[in-house]
C-alpha atoms as a PDB file:
ATOM      1  CA  MET A   1     181.787 113.156  67.392  1.00  0.00           C
ATOM      2  CA  SER A   2     184.312 111.326  65.325  1.00  0.00           C
ATOM      3  CA  LYS A   3     183.645 109.792  61.964  1.00  0.00           C
ATOM      4  CA  ALA A   4     184.360 106.138  61.302  1.00  0.00           C
ATOM      5  CA  SER A   5     187.120 105.570  58.821  1.00  0.00           C
ATOM      6  CA  PRO A   6     186.048 104.006  55.503  1.00  0.00           C
ATOM      7  CA  GLY A   7     188.051 100.848  56.254  1.00  0.00           C
ATOM      8  CA  SER A   8     186.295 100.347  59.554  1.00  0.00           C
ATOM      9  CA  LEU A   9     182.872 100.886  57.983  1.00  0.00           C
ATOM     10  CA  THR A  10     183.689  98.313  55.311  1.00  0.00           C
ATOM     11  CA  ALA A  11     184.820  95.838  57.975  1.00  0.00           C
ATOM     12  CA  HIS A  12     181.609  96.328  59.936  1.00  0.00           C
ATOM     13  CA  LEU A  13     179.519  95.958  56.820  1.00  0.00           C
ATOM     14  CA  SER A  14     181.289  92.749  55.789  1.00  0.00           C
ATOM     15  CA  ASP A  15     180.830  91.373  59.337  1.00  0.00           C
ATOM     16  CA  PHE A  16     177.132  92.236  59.137  1.00  0.00           C
ATOM     17  CA  VAL A  17     176.762  90.502  55.760  1.00  0.00           C
ATOM     18  CA  LEU A  18     178.629  87.442  57.025  1.00  0.00           C
ATOM     19  CA  ASN A  19     176.421  87.258  60.114  1.00  0.00           C
ATOM     20  CA  ALA A  20     173.282  87.726  58.022  1.00  0.00           C
ATOM     21  CA  LYS A  21     174.318  84.889  55.701  1.00  0.00           C
ATOM     22  CA  ALA A  22     175.006  82.619  58.660  1.00  0.00           C
ATOM     23  CA  LEU A  23     171.633  83.487  60.175  1.00  0.00           C
ATOM     24  CA  TRP A  24     169.829  82.742  56.897  1.00  0.00           C
ATOM     25  CA  ALA A  25     171.677  79.422  56.545  1.00  0.00           C
ATOM     26  CA  PHE A  26     170.695  78.470  60.083  1.00  0.00           C
ATOM     27  CA  ALA A  27     167.061  79.451  59.448  1.00  0.00           C
ATOM     28  CA  ARG A  28     166.963  77.374  56.238  1.00  0.00           C
ATOM     29  CA  HIS A  29     168.458  74.407  58.078  1.00  0.00           C
ATOM     30  CA  ARG A  30     165.884  74.663  60.903  1.00  0.00           C
ATOM     31  CA  LYS A  31     163.005  74.959  58.427  1.00  0.00           C
ATOM     32  CA  ALA A  32     164.210  71.912  56.486  1.00  0.00           C
ATOM     33  CA  ARG A  33     164.434  69.902  59.728  1.00  0.00           C
ATOM     34  CA  CYS A  34     160.921  70.967  60.707  1.00  0.00           C
ATOM     35  CA  ASP A  35     159.538  70.162  57.242  1.00  0.00           C
ATOM     36  CA  THR A  36     161.286  66.776  57.240  1.00  0.00           C
ATOM     37  CA  SER A  37     159.723  65.959  60.591  1.00  0.00           C
ATOM     38  CA  ARG A  38     156.250  67.014  59.467  1.00  0.00           C
ATOM     39  CA  LEU A  39     156.403  65.132  56.190  1.00  0.00           C
ATOM     40  CA  GLY A  40     157.741  62.088  58.023  1.00  0.00           C
ATOM     41  CA  ARG A  41     154.524  61.949  60.037  1.00  0.00           C
ATOM     42  CA  PHE A  42     152.416  61.638  56.875  1.00  0.00           C
ATOM     43  CA  ASN A  43     151.305  58.150  55.937  1.00  0.00           C
ATOM     44  CA  ASP A  44     152.125  56.792  52.481  1.00  0.00           C
ATOM     45  CA  PHE A  45     148.666  57.637  51.115  1.00  0.00           C
ATOM     46  CA  MET A  46     148.952  61.268  52.214  1.00  0.00           C
ATOM     47  CA  LEU A  47     152.409  61.531  50.660  1.00  0.00           C
ATOM     48  CA  LYS A  48     151.100  60.037  47.422  1.00  0.00           C
ATOM     49  CA  ASP A  49     148.314  62.645  47.361  1.00  0.00           C
ATOM     50  CA  ILE A  50     150.890  65.424  47.295  1.00  0.00           C
ATOM     51  CA  GLY A  51     153.068  63.593  44.794  1.00  0.00           C
ATOM     52  CA  LEU A  52     155.820  62.393  47.119  1.00  0.00           C
ATOM     53  CA  THR A  53     157.269  59.115  48.299  1.00  0.00           C
ATOM     54  CA  ARG A  54     159.202  58.451  51.495  1.00  0.00           C
ATOM     55  CA  ALA A  55     162.396  58.700  49.450  1.00  0.00           C
ATOM     56  CA  ASP A  56     161.442  62.255  48.395  1.00  0.00           C
ATOM     57  CA  ILE A  57     160.951  63.668  51.907  1.00  0.00           C
ATOM     58  CA  LEU A  58     164.474  64.969  52.483  1.00  0.00           C
ATOM     59  CA  SER A  59     164.687  66.537  49.026  1.00  0.00           C
ATOM     60  CA  ALA A  60     161.233  68.076  49.389  1.00  0.00           C
ATOM     61  CA  ALA A  61     162.159  69.582  52.739  1.00  0.00           C
ATOM     62  CA  HIS A  62     165.121  71.275  51.068  1.00  0.00           C
ATOM     63  CA  GLY A  63     162.969  72.448  48.132  1.00  0.00           C
ATOM     64  CA  LYS A  64     164.638  70.217  45.562  1.00  0.00           C
ATOM     65  CA  VAL A  65     161.862  67.918  44.355  1.00  0.00           C
ATOM     66  CA  TYR A  66     161.162  67.887  40.662  1.00  0.00           C
ATOM     67  CA  ARG A  67     157.877  66.861  39.228  1.00  0.00           C
ATOM     68  CA  ARG A  68     157.784  63.465  37.576  1.00  0.00           C
ATOM     69  CA  ASP A  69     155.274  62.991  34.787  1.00  0.00           C
END
């Protein structure tokens, strides 16, 4: 059995991290699209009940809605 050189291990690890980041970004994008679609099916009264307007849907799907008092 041969050992992997430290440079090769580092390269594999950085590839793994890069792939993991890409996978997480893709998963976040898919979730935001799904959430946007679901919230878009709500009528205006349902959105108002949860404190949103139609203009807030995209921001809410990306987790960037701030409470207005």
